[in-house]
């Protein structure tokens, strides 16, 4: 593995973990940058197909969505239809008449690279206001020793523990699928991504389940065998579908990578595709299902 890939991966993980622990506007700012770069790559793929989307407008409303998620997550769902209407309004009054493809690509850009990723901000914000002890809604554990020794973990913000556990499951699924697929994979999974194998995909989901099971136990979740199994299964499948979806977009656009921003890794979408469908599922798992099991 090239050193550039290893070095850039370490930096990315460090920034992600630091922003996740801090939460608040710190987390939002990091995600705003990621979404801005990801949407630029997405619209680059779209334009390679000869489509003319409302790229700038979609990017702006996606950033507004992140701000609203940080201020009041309950208002976030109202932004999607309003933003979609605004984008259509913008396209309708362009000098060149917009096509169905232009409108569809713009709305997909808002949904796929704006609305769905915004759930990470909503997930991290769960119970974070009460626990905030830094400016800009930030948080920092008062005693890392207690955290590492499994003491007082129930006092941590639910959004923090859920986000960390989700990241760990995605990383486990990606690494497990890559290693098993590379050395033991024989059965192709899909023509969309020829290098992926059934063996790698199955082990990736299994790795996600094992990590979620251990995390549910560590963080004292109610009925942790059931909740860990369910969460791990959801994350493993959603992570795989996110990867395949981005591969489909690249294949249709006729490119190998969505960009060349990250040395050794390609573009932002190449590294974050597994995260796109995951956050909404985990958010509703934590806010709707877990309370029923207490």
C-alpha atoms as a PDB file:
ATOM      1  CA  UNK A   1       0.000   0.000   0.000  1.00  0.00           C
ATOM      2  CA  UNK A   2       1.494   3.401  -1.003  1.00  0.00           C
ATOM      3  CA  UNK A   3       2.715   5.598   1.851  1.00  0.00           C
ATOM      4  CA  UNK A   4       0.620   8.492   0.485  1.00  0.00           C
ATOM      5  CA  UNK A   5      -2.504   6.355   0.950  1.00  0.00           C
ATOM      6  CA  UNK A   6      -1.536   5.414   4.512  1.00  0.00           C
ATOM      7  CA  UNK A   7      -0.568   8.974   5.494  1.00  0.00           C
ATOM      8  CA  UNK A   8      -3.695  10.609   4.052  1.00  0.00           C
ATOM      9  CA  UNK A   9      -5.832   7.902   5.675  1.00  0.00           C
ATOM     10  CA  UNK A  10      -4.317   8.577   9.105  1.00  0.00           C
ATOM     11  CA  UNK A  11      -4.938  12.321   8.734  1.00  0.00           C
ATOM     12  CA  UNK A  12      -8.540  11.763   7.631  1.00  0.00           C
ATOM     13  CA  UNK A  13      -9.293   9.420  10.558  1.00  0.00           C
ATOM     14  CA  UNK A  14      -7.675  11.811  13.053  1.00  0.00           C
ATOM     15  CA  UNK A  15      -9.721  14.784  11.824  1.00  0.00           C
ATOM     16  CA  UNK A  16     -12.915  12.691  11.785  1.00  0.00           C
ATOM     17  CA  UNK A  17     -12.440  11.442  15.352  1.00  0.00           C
ATOM     18  CA  UNK A  18     -11.508  14.863  16.718  1.00  0.00           C
ATOM     19  CA  UNK A  19     -14.504  16.538  15.056  1.00  0.00           C
ATOM     20  CA  UNK A  20     -16.790  13.753  16.258  1.00  0.00           C
ATOM     21  CA  UNK A  21     -15.719  14.061  19.881  1.00  0.00           C
ATOM     22  CA  UNK A  22     -16.014  17.865  19.808  1.00  0.00           C
ATOM     23  CA  UNK A  23     -19.424  17.832  18.115  1.00  0.00           C
ATOM     24  CA  UNK A  24     -21.408  21.061  17.860  1.00  0.00           C
ATOM     25  CA  UNK A  25     -20.352  23.542  15.207  1.00  0.00           C
ATOM     26  CA  UNK A  26     -16.926  21.912  14.981  1.00  0.00           C
ATOM     27  CA  UNK A  27     -18.529  18.749  13.635  1.00  0.00           C
ATOM     28  CA  UNK A  28     -20.825  20.741  11.359  1.00  0.00           C
ATOM     29  CA  UNK A  29     -17.964  22.725   9.825  1.00  0.00           C
ATOM     30  CA  UNK A  30     -16.011  19.570   8.973  1.00  0.00           C
ATOM     31  CA  UNK A  31     -19.094  18.018   7.383  1.00  0.00           C
ATOM     32  CA  UNK A  32     -19.857  21.236   5.519  1.00  0.00           C
ATOM     33  CA  UNK A  33     -16.436  21.013   3.874  1.00  0.00           C
ATOM     34  CA  UNK A  34     -16.903  17.316   3.065  1.00  0.00           C
ATOM     35  CA  UNK A  35     -20.357  17.894   1.567  1.00  0.00           C
ATOM     36  CA  UNK A  36     -19.136  20.889  -0.459  1.00  0.00           C
ATOM     37  CA  UNK A  37     -16.277  18.862  -1.943  1.00  0.00           C
ATOM     38  CA  UNK A  38     -18.455  15.788  -2.449  1.00  0.00           C
ATOM     39  CA  UNK A  39     -21.144  17.730  -4.275  1.00  0.00           C
ATOM     40  CA  UNK A  40     -18.565  19.307  -6.555  1.00  0.00           C
ATOM     41  CA  UNK A  41     -17.382  15.806  -7.479  1.00  0.00           C
ATOM     42  CA  UNK A  42     -20.947  14.587  -7.965  1.00  0.00           C
ATOM     43  CA  UNK A  43     -21.811  17.443 -10.290  1.00  0.00           C
ATOM     44  CA  UNK A  44     -18.566  16.830 -12.136  1.00  0.00           C
ATOM     45  CA  UNK A  45     -19.794  13.287 -12.848  1.00  0.00           C
ATOM     46  CA  UNK A  46     -23.171  14.649 -13.918  1.00  0.00           C
ATOM     47  CA  UNK A  47     -21.680  17.244 -16.275  1.00  0.00           C
ATOM     48  CA  UNK A  48     -19.531  14.523 -17.863  1.00  0.00           C
ATOM     49  CA  UNK A  49     -22.847  13.096 -19.110  1.00  0.00           C
ATOM     50  CA  UNK A  50     -23.785  16.380 -20.782  1.00  0.00           C
ATOM     51  CA  UNK A  51     -26.334  17.326 -18.111  1.00  0.00           C
ATOM     52  CA  UNK A  52     -26.643  20.915 -16.852  1.00  0.00           C
ATOM     53  CA  UNK A  53     -27.775  20.768 -13.181  1.00  0.00           C
ATOM     54  CA  UNK A  54     -28.330  23.655 -10.777  1.00  0.00           C
ATOM     55  CA  UNK A  55     -25.005  22.895  -9.108  1.00  0.00           C
ATOM     56  CA  UNK A  56     -24.320  26.165  -7.290  1.00  0.00           C
ATOM     57  CA  UNK A  57     -27.883  26.477  -6.031  1.00  0.00           C
ATOM     58  CA  UNK A  58     -27.905  22.894  -4.752  1.00  0.00           C
ATOM     59  CA  UNK A  59     -24.587  23.380  -2.971  1.00  0.00           C
ATOM     60  CA  UNK A  60     -25.827  26.545  -1.249  1.00  0.00           C
ATOM     61  CA  UNK A  61     -29.109  25.031  -0.035  1.00  0.00           C
ATOM     62  CA  UNK A  62     -27.216  21.955   1.216  1.00  0.00           C
ATOM     63  CA  UNK A  63     -25.010  24.182   3.365  1.00  0.00           C
ATOM     64  CA  UNK A  64     -28.098  25.969   4.672  1.00  0.00           C
ATOM     65  CA  UNK A  65     -29.529  22.562   5.540  1.00  0.00           C
ATOM     66  CA  UNK A  66     -26.477  21.761   7.679  1.00  0.00           C
ATOM     67  CA  UNK A  67     -26.830  25.046   9.557  1.00  0.00           C
ATOM     68  CA  UNK A  68     -30.511  24.352  10.242  1.00  0.00           C
ATOM     69  CA  UNK A  69     -29.693  20.792  11.402  1.00  0.00           C
ATOM     70  CA  UNK A  70     -27.253  22.258  13.907  1.00  0.00           C
ATOM     71  CA  UNK A  71     -29.665  24.912  15.155  1.00  0.00           C
ATOM     72  CA  UNK A  72     -32.766  22.718  15.297  1.00  0.00           C
ATOM     73  CA  UNK A  73     -32.824  19.195  13.896  1.00  0.00           C
ATOM     74  CA  UNK A  74     -36.639  19.165  13.994  1.00  0.00           C
ATOM     75  CA  UNK A  75     -36.731  21.703  11.161  1.00  0.00           C
ATOM     76  CA  UNK A  76     -34.353  19.753   8.915  1.00  0.00           C
ATOM     77  CA  UNK A  77     -37.017  17.648   7.196  1.00  0.00           C
ATOM     78  CA  UNK A  78     -38.889  20.788   6.177  1.00  0.00           C
ATOM     79  CA  UNK A  79     -35.856  22.025   4.250  1.00  0.00           C
ATOM     80  CA  UNK A  80     -35.849  19.181   1.718  1.00  0.00           C
ATOM     81  CA  UNK A  81     -39.171  19.969  -0.054  1.00  0.00           C
ATOM     82  CA  UNK A  82     -38.560  23.720   0.165  1.00  0.00           C
ATOM     83  CA  UNK A  83     -35.053  23.340  -1.251  1.00  0.00           C
ATOM     84  CA  UNK A  84     -36.285  21.028  -3.999  1.00  0.00           C
ATOM     85  CA  UNK A  85     -38.952  23.538  -4.976  1.00  0.00           C
ATOM     86  CA  UNK A  86     -36.381  26.347  -5.036  1.00  0.00           C
ATOM     87  CA  UNK A  87     -34.047  24.326  -7.271  1.00  0.00           C
ATOM     88  CA  UNK A  88     -36.852  23.563  -9.745  1.00  0.00           C
ATOM     89  CA  UNK A  89     -37.859  27.241  -9.716  1.00  0.00           C
ATOM     90  CA  UNK A  90     -34.277  28.232 -10.500  1.00  0.00           C
ATOM     91  CA  UNK A  91     -33.993  25.778 -13.413  1.00  0.00           C
ATOM     92  CA  UNK A  92     -37.323  26.780 -14.915  1.00  0.00           C
ATOM     93  CA  UNK A  93     -36.233  30.378 -15.387  1.00  0.00           C
ATOM     94  CA  UNK A  94     -32.857  29.749 -17.014  1.00  0.00           C
ATOM     95  CA  UNK A  95     -32.247  31.152 -20.522  1.00  0.00           C
ATOM     96  CA  UNK A  96     -31.894  27.573 -21.801  1.00  0.00           C
ATOM     97  CA  UNK A  97     -34.903  25.375 -21.110  1.00  0.00           C
ATOM     98  CA  UNK A  98     -34.070  22.759 -18.504  1.00  0.00           C
ATOM     99  CA  UNK A  99     -34.515  19.069 -19.244  1.00  0.00           C
ATOM    100  CA  UNK A 100     -35.857  16.260 -17.123  1.00  0.00           C
ATOM    101  CA  UNK A 101     -32.257  15.088 -16.669  1.00  0.00           C
ATOM    102  CA  UNK A 102     -31.190  18.545 -15.424  1.00  0.00           C
ATOM    103  CA  UNK A 103     -33.921  18.636 -12.789  1.00  0.00           C
ATOM    104  CA  UNK A 104     -33.493  14.993 -11.781  1.00  0.00           C
ATOM    105  CA  UNK A 105     -29.720  15.303 -11.403  1.00  0.00           C
ATOM    106  CA  UNK A 106     -30.129  18.437  -9.275  1.00  0.00           C
ATOM    107  CA  UNK A 107     -32.691  16.855  -6.942  1.00  0.00           C
ATOM    108  CA  UNK A 108     -30.585  13.683  -6.664  1.00  0.00           C
ATOM    109  CA  UNK A 109     -27.566  15.849  -5.839  1.00  0.00           C
ATOM    110  CA  UNK A 110     -29.528  17.507  -3.046  1.00  0.00           C
ATOM    111  CA  UNK A 111     -30.808  14.195  -1.688  1.00  0.00           C
ATOM    112  CA  UNK A 112     -27.721  12.006  -2.178  1.00  0.00           C
ATOM    113  CA  UNK A 113     -24.916  14.426  -1.297  1.00  0.00           C
ATOM    114  CA  UNK A 114     -26.804  16.934   0.864  1.00  0.00           C
ATOM    115  CA  UNK A 115     -29.850  15.649   2.709  1.00  0.00           C
ATOM    116  CA  UNK A 116     -28.683  12.117   3.537  1.00  0.00           C
ATOM    117  CA  UNK A 117     -25.219  13.172   4.827  1.00  0.00           C
ATOM    118  CA  UNK A 118     -26.864  15.888   6.955  1.00  0.00           C
ATOM    119  CA  UNK A 119     -28.152  13.086   9.181  1.00  0.00           C
ATOM    120  CA  UNK A 120     -24.622  12.777  10.573  1.00  0.00           C
ATOM    121  CA  UNK A 121     -25.038  16.226  12.106  1.00  0.00           C
ATOM    122  CA  UNK A 122     -28.418  15.245  13.500  1.00  0.00           C
ATOM    123  CA  UNK A 123     -27.048  11.961  14.850  1.00  0.00           C
ATOM    124  CA  UNK A 124     -24.100  13.593  16.619  1.00  0.00           C
ATOM    125  CA  UNK A 125     -26.403  16.276  18.075  1.00  0.00           C
ATOM    126  CA  UNK A 126     -28.564  13.804  20.054  1.00  0.00           C
ATOM    127  CA  UNK A 127     -28.434  14.859  23.728  1.00  0.00           C
ATOM    128  CA  UNK A 128     -25.409  17.030  22.955  1.00  0.00           C
ATOM    129  CA  UNK A 129     -26.814  20.352  24.153  1.00  0.00           C
ATOM    130  CA  UNK A 130     -26.978  19.176  27.769  1.00  0.00           C
ATOM    131  CA  UNK A 131     -23.448  17.757  27.677  1.00  0.00           C
ATOM    132  CA  UNK A 132     -21.837  20.741  25.933  1.00  0.00           C
ATOM    133  CA  UNK A 133     -18.891  22.149  27.908  1.00  0.00           C
ATOM    134  CA  UNK A 134     -17.026  24.099  25.192  1.00  0.00           C
ATOM    135  CA  UNK A 135     -17.855  27.185  23.096  1.00  0.00           C
ATOM    136  CA  UNK A 136     -19.858  26.680  19.880  1.00  0.00           C
ATOM    137  CA  UNK A 137     -21.710  23.738  21.392  1.00  0.00           C
ATOM    138  CA  UNK A 138     -18.557  21.642  21.679  1.00  0.00           C
ATOM    139  CA  UNK A 139     -17.846  18.814  24.096  1.00  0.00           C
ATOM    140  CA  UNK A 140     -14.737  17.247  25.574  1.00  0.00           C
ATOM    141  CA  UNK A 141     -14.747  14.309  28.052  1.00  0.00           C
ATOM    142  CA  UNK A 142     -13.597  15.478  31.482  1.00  0.00           C
ATOM    143  CA  UNK A 143     -11.778  12.229  32.228  1.00  0.00           C
ATOM    144  CA  UNK A 144     -10.481  10.070  29.394  1.00  0.00           C
ATOM    145  CA  UNK A 145      -9.256   7.432  31.843  1.00  0.00           C
ATOM    146  CA  UNK A 146     -12.813   6.733  32.989  1.00  0.00           C
ATOM    147  CA  UNK A 147     -13.955   6.505  29.390  1.00  0.00           C
ATOM    148  CA  UNK A 148     -11.244   4.030  28.401  1.00  0.00           C
ATOM    149  CA  UNK A 149     -11.816   1.951  31.553  1.00  0.00           C
ATOM    150  CA  UNK A 150     -15.536   1.647  30.838  1.00  0.00           C
ATOM    151  CA  UNK A 151     -16.533   3.986  33.659  1.00  0.00           C
ATOM    152  CA  UNK A 152     -19.309   6.567  33.335  1.00  0.00           C
ATOM    153  CA  UNK A 153     -19.804   5.781  29.651  1.00  0.00           C
ATOM    154  CA  UNK A 154     -23.549   6.181  30.176  1.00  0.00           C
ATOM    155  CA  UNK A 155     -22.927   9.878  30.917  1.00  0.00           C
ATOM    156  CA  UNK A 156     -21.507  10.455  27.441  1.00  0.00           C
ATOM    157  CA  UNK A 157     -23.850  12.090  24.903  1.00  0.00           C
ATOM    158  CA  UNK A 158     -25.863   9.447  23.075  1.00  0.00           C
ATOM    159  CA  UNK A 159     -25.035  11.157  19.808  1.00  0.00           C
ATOM    160  CA  UNK A 160     -21.313  10.786  20.458  1.00  0.00           C
ATOM    161  CA  UNK A 161     -21.425   7.095  21.336  1.00  0.00           C
ATOM    162  CA  UNK A 162     -23.748   6.272  18.421  1.00  0.00           C
ATOM    163  CA  UNK A 163     -21.580   8.178  15.948  1.00  0.00           C
ATOM    164  CA  UNK A 164     -18.333   6.592  17.150  1.00  0.00           C
ATOM    165  CA  UNK A 165     -19.881   3.129  17.042  1.00  0.00           C
ATOM    166  CA  UNK A 166     -21.229   3.722  13.539  1.00  0.00           C
ATOM    167  CA  UNK A 167     -17.829   4.876  12.297  1.00  0.00           C
ATOM    168  CA  UNK A 168     -16.215   1.783  13.817  1.00  0.00           C
ATOM    169  CA  UNK A 169     -18.759  -0.505  12.126  1.00  0.00           C
ATOM    170  CA  UNK A 170     -18.204   1.129   8.735  1.00  0.00           C
ATOM    171  CA  UNK A 171     -14.425   0.905   9.087  1.00  0.00           C
ATOM    172  CA  UNK A 172     -14.690  -2.718  10.161  1.00  0.00           C
ATOM    173  CA  UNK A 173     -16.995  -3.556   7.238  1.00  0.00           C
ATOM    174  CA  UNK A 174     -14.737  -1.836   4.698  1.00  0.00           C
ATOM    175  CA  UNK A 175     -11.492  -3.355   6.002  1.00  0.00           C
ATOM    176  CA  UNK A 176     -12.997  -6.806   6.476  1.00  0.00           C
ATOM    177  CA  UNK A 177     -14.548  -6.836   2.995  1.00  0.00           C
ATOM    178  CA  UNK A 178     -11.286  -5.655   1.426  1.00  0.00           C
ATOM    179  CA  UNK A 179      -9.035  -8.224   3.129  1.00  0.00           C
ATOM    180  CA  UNK A 180     -11.309 -11.248   2.706  1.00  0.00           C
ATOM    181  CA  UNK A 181     -12.260 -10.225  -0.828  1.00  0.00           C
ATOM    182  CA  UNK A 182      -8.632  -9.749  -1.838  1.00  0.00           C
ATOM    183  CA  UNK A 183      -7.284 -13.024  -0.471  1.00  0.00           C
ATOM    184  CA  UNK A 184     -10.287 -15.345  -0.432  1.00  0.00           C
ATOM    185  CA  UNK A 185     -12.899 -13.790  -2.712  1.00  0.00           C
ATOM    186  CA  UNK A 186     -13.873 -15.872  -5.760  1.00  0.00           C
ATOM    187  CA  UNK A 187     -17.525 -15.083  -6.485  1.00  0.00           C
ATOM    188  CA  UNK A 188     -18.187 -11.694  -8.176  1.00  0.00           C
ATOM    189  CA  UNK A 189     -20.796  -9.655  -6.341  1.00  0.00           C
ATOM    190  CA  UNK A 190     -22.002  -7.328  -9.095  1.00  0.00           C
ATOM    191  CA  UNK A 191     -21.038  -6.069 -12.541  1.00  0.00           C
ATOM    192  CA  UNK A 192     -21.266  -2.558 -11.108  1.00  0.00           C
ATOM    193  CA  UNK A 193     -18.044  -3.131  -9.167  1.00  0.00           C
ATOM    194  CA  UNK A 194     -16.142  -6.120 -10.639  1.00  0.00           C
ATOM    195  CA  UNK A 195     -13.531  -6.243  -7.849  1.00  0.00           C
ATOM    196  CA  UNK A 196     -16.117  -6.834  -5.118  1.00  0.00           C
ATOM    197  CA  UNK A 197     -16.885 -10.409  -4.154  1.00  0.00           C
ATOM    198  CA  UNK A 198     -19.687 -12.149  -2.317  1.00  0.00           C
ATOM    199  CA  UNK A 199     -17.206 -13.508   0.220  1.00  0.00           C
ATOM    200  CA  UNK A 200     -15.853 -10.036   0.959  1.00  0.00           C
ATOM    201  CA  UNK A 201     -19.331  -8.521   1.230  1.00  0.00           C
ATOM    202  CA  UNK A 202     -20.565 -11.216   3.612  1.00  0.00           C
ATOM    203  CA  UNK A 203     -17.539 -10.903   5.879  1.00  0.00           C
ATOM    204  CA  UNK A 204     -17.840  -7.099   5.821  1.00  0.00           C
ATOM    205  CA  UNK A 205     -21.399  -7.323   7.122  1.00  0.00           C
ATOM    206  CA  UNK A 206     -20.293  -9.914   9.689  1.00  0.00           C
ATOM    207  CA  UNK A 207     -17.481  -7.624  10.900  1.00  0.00           C
ATOM    208  CA  UNK A 208     -19.971  -4.769  11.263  1.00  0.00           C
ATOM    209  CA  UNK A 209     -22.270  -6.988  13.343  1.00  0.00           C
ATOM    210  CA  UNK A 210     -19.436  -8.078  15.655  1.00  0.00           C
ATOM    211  CA  UNK A 211     -18.296  -4.491  16.258  1.00  0.00           C
ATOM    212  CA  UNK A 212     -21.858  -3.285  16.849  1.00  0.00           C
ATOM    213  CA  UNK A 213     -22.441  -6.162  19.275  1.00  0.00           C
ATOM    214  CA  UNK A 214     -19.311  -5.257  21.257  1.00  0.00           C
ATOM    215  CA  UNK A 215     -20.176  -1.545  21.153  1.00  0.00           C
ATOM    216  CA  UNK A 216     -23.749  -2.095  22.329  1.00  0.00           C
ATOM    217  CA  UNK A 217     -22.393  -4.058  25.299  1.00  0.00           C
ATOM    218  CA  UNK A 218     -19.674  -1.483  26.066  1.00  0.00           C
ATOM    219  CA  UNK A 219     -22.074   1.469  25.999  1.00  0.00           C
ATOM    220  CA  UNK A 220     -24.728  -0.377  28.031  1.00  0.00           C
ATOM    221  CA  UNK A 221     -27.434  -0.292  25.375  1.00  0.00           C
ATOM    222  CA  UNK A 222     -30.722  -1.989  26.309  1.00  0.00           C
ATOM    223  CA  UNK A 223     -30.902  -5.648  25.232  1.00  0.00           C
ATOM    224  CA  UNK A 224     -27.479  -5.325  23.646  1.00  0.00           C
ATOM    225  CA  UNK A 225     -27.490  -8.728  21.856  1.00  0.00           C
ATOM    226  CA  UNK A 226     -30.538  -7.714  19.814  1.00  0.00           C
ATOM    227  CA  UNK A 227     -29.656  -4.059  19.358  1.00  0.00           C
ATOM    228  CA  UNK A 228     -26.040  -4.853  18.473  1.00  0.00           C
ATOM    229  CA  UNK A 229     -27.022  -7.479  15.913  1.00  0.00           C
ATOM    230  CA  UNK A 230     -29.656  -5.258  14.320  1.00  0.00           C
ATOM    231  CA  UNK A 231     -27.487  -2.155  14.182  1.00  0.00           C
ATOM    232  CA  UNK A 232     -24.498  -4.037  12.772  1.00  0.00           C
ATOM    233  CA  UNK A 233     -26.640  -5.623  10.075  1.00  0.00           C
ATOM    234  CA  UNK A 234     -28.144  -2.277   9.087  1.00  0.00           C
ATOM    235  CA  UNK A 235     -24.768  -0.536   8.928  1.00  0.00           C
ATOM    236  CA  UNK A 236     -23.075  -3.393   7.055  1.00  0.00           C
ATOM    237  CA  UNK A 237     -25.753  -3.507   4.343  1.00  0.00           C
ATOM    238  CA  UNK A 238     -26.106   0.289   4.071  1.00  0.00           C
ATOM    239  CA  UNK A 239     -22.340   0.666   3.813  1.00  0.00           C
ATOM    240  CA  UNK A 240     -22.196  -1.853   0.964  1.00  0.00           C
ATOM    241  CA  UNK A 241     -25.114  -0.253  -0.887  1.00  0.00           C
ATOM    242  CA  UNK A 242     -23.510   3.175  -0.578  1.00  0.00           C
ATOM    243  CA  UNK A 243     -20.297   1.839  -2.100  1.00  0.00           C
ATOM    244  CA  UNK A 244     -22.143   0.180  -4.984  1.00  0.00           C
ATOM    245  CA  UNK A 245     -24.239   3.284  -5.668  1.00  0.00           C
ATOM    246  CA  UNK A 246     -21.179   5.488  -6.046  1.00  0.00           C
ATOM    247  CA  UNK A 247     -19.554   2.840  -8.262  1.00  0.00           C
ATOM    248  CA  UNK A 248     -22.650   2.909 -10.454  1.00  0.00           C
ATOM    249  CA  UNK A 249     -22.412   6.705 -10.809  1.00  0.00           C
ATOM    250  CA  UNK A 250     -18.736   6.507 -11.764  1.00  0.00           C
ATOM    251  CA  UNK A 251     -19.350   3.666 -14.184  1.00  0.00           C
ATOM    252  CA  UNK A 252     -22.118   5.592 -15.914  1.00  0.00           C
ATOM    253  CA  UNK A 253     -19.910   8.699 -16.137  1.00  0.00           C
ATOM    254  CA  UNK A 254     -17.020   6.623 -17.483  1.00  0.00           C
ATOM    255  CA  UNK A 255     -14.450   7.507 -14.792  1.00  0.00           C
ATOM    256  CA  UNK A 256     -12.366   5.390 -12.415  1.00  0.00           C
ATOM    257  CA  UNK A 257     -12.409   7.808  -9.434  1.00  0.00           C
ATOM    258  CA  UNK A 258     -14.776  10.645  -8.558  1.00  0.00           C
ATOM    259  CA  UNK A 259     -11.745  12.919  -8.080  1.00  0.00           C
ATOM    260  CA  UNK A 260      -8.063  13.097  -7.123  1.00  0.00           C
ATOM    261  CA  UNK A 261      -8.334  15.175  -3.956  1.00  0.00           C
ATOM    262  CA  UNK A 262      -6.999  12.588  -1.475  1.00  0.00           C
ATOM    263  CA  UNK A 263      -3.578  11.114  -2.341  1.00  0.00           C
ATOM    264  CA  UNK A 264      -3.856   7.380  -2.873  1.00  0.00           C
ATOM    265  CA  UNK A 265      -7.616   7.347  -2.281  1.00  0.00           C
ATOM    266  CA  UNK A 266      -9.191   9.309  -5.116  1.00  0.00           C
ATOM    267  CA  UNK A 267     -11.967  11.773  -4.420  1.00  0.00           C
ATOM    268  CA  UNK A 268     -14.121  12.580  -1.387  1.00  0.00           C
ATOM    269  CA  UNK A 269     -16.996  10.455  -2.708  1.00  0.00           C
ATOM    270  CA  UNK A 270     -14.640   7.506  -3.161  1.00  0.00           C
ATOM    271  CA  UNK A 271     -13.874   7.614   0.588  1.00  0.00           C
ATOM    272  CA  UNK A 272     -17.282   8.592   1.967  1.00  0.00           C
ATOM    273  CA  UNK A 273     -19.669   6.554  -0.188  1.00  0.00           C
ATOM    274  CA  UNK A 274     -20.118   3.993   2.604  1.00  0.00           C
ATOM    275  CA  UNK A 275     -21.340   6.732   4.961  1.00  0.00           C
ATOM    276  CA  UNK A 276     -24.119   8.248   2.843  1.00  0.00           C
ATOM    277  CA  UNK A 277     -26.985   5.793   3.469  1.00  0.00           C
ATOM    278  CA  UNK A 278     -25.823   4.835   6.951  1.00  0.00           C
ATOM    279  CA  UNK A 279     -26.520   7.937   9.043  1.00  0.00           C
ATOM    280  CA  UNK A 280     -30.329   8.119   8.488  1.00  0.00           C
ATOM    281  CA  UNK A 281     -30.750   4.460   9.452  1.00  0.00           C
ATOM    282  CA  UNK A 282     -28.673   4.825  12.607  1.00  0.00           C
ATOM    283  CA  UNK A 283     -30.385   8.095  13.545  1.00  0.00           C
ATOM    284  CA  UNK A 284     -33.854   6.553  13.460  1.00  0.00           C
ATOM    285  CA  UNK A 285     -32.566   3.363  15.088  1.00  0.00           C
ATOM    286  CA  UNK A 286     -31.305   5.400  18.046  1.00  0.00           C
ATOM    287  CA  UNK A 287     -34.242   7.816  18.298  1.00  0.00           C
ATOM    288  CA  UNK A 288     -37.151   5.454  17.513  1.00  0.00           C
ATOM    289  CA  UNK A 289     -36.150   1.859  18.299  1.00  0.00           C
ATOM    290  CA  UNK A 290     -33.828   2.110  21.294  1.00  0.00           C
ATOM    291  CA  UNK A 291     -36.342   4.060  23.462  1.00  0.00           C
ATOM    292  CA  UNK A 292     -38.853   1.246  22.964  1.00  0.00           C
ATOM    293  CA  UNK A 293     -36.452  -1.285  24.483  1.00  0.00           C
ATOM    294  CA  UNK A 294     -35.627   0.622  27.679  1.00  0.00           C
END
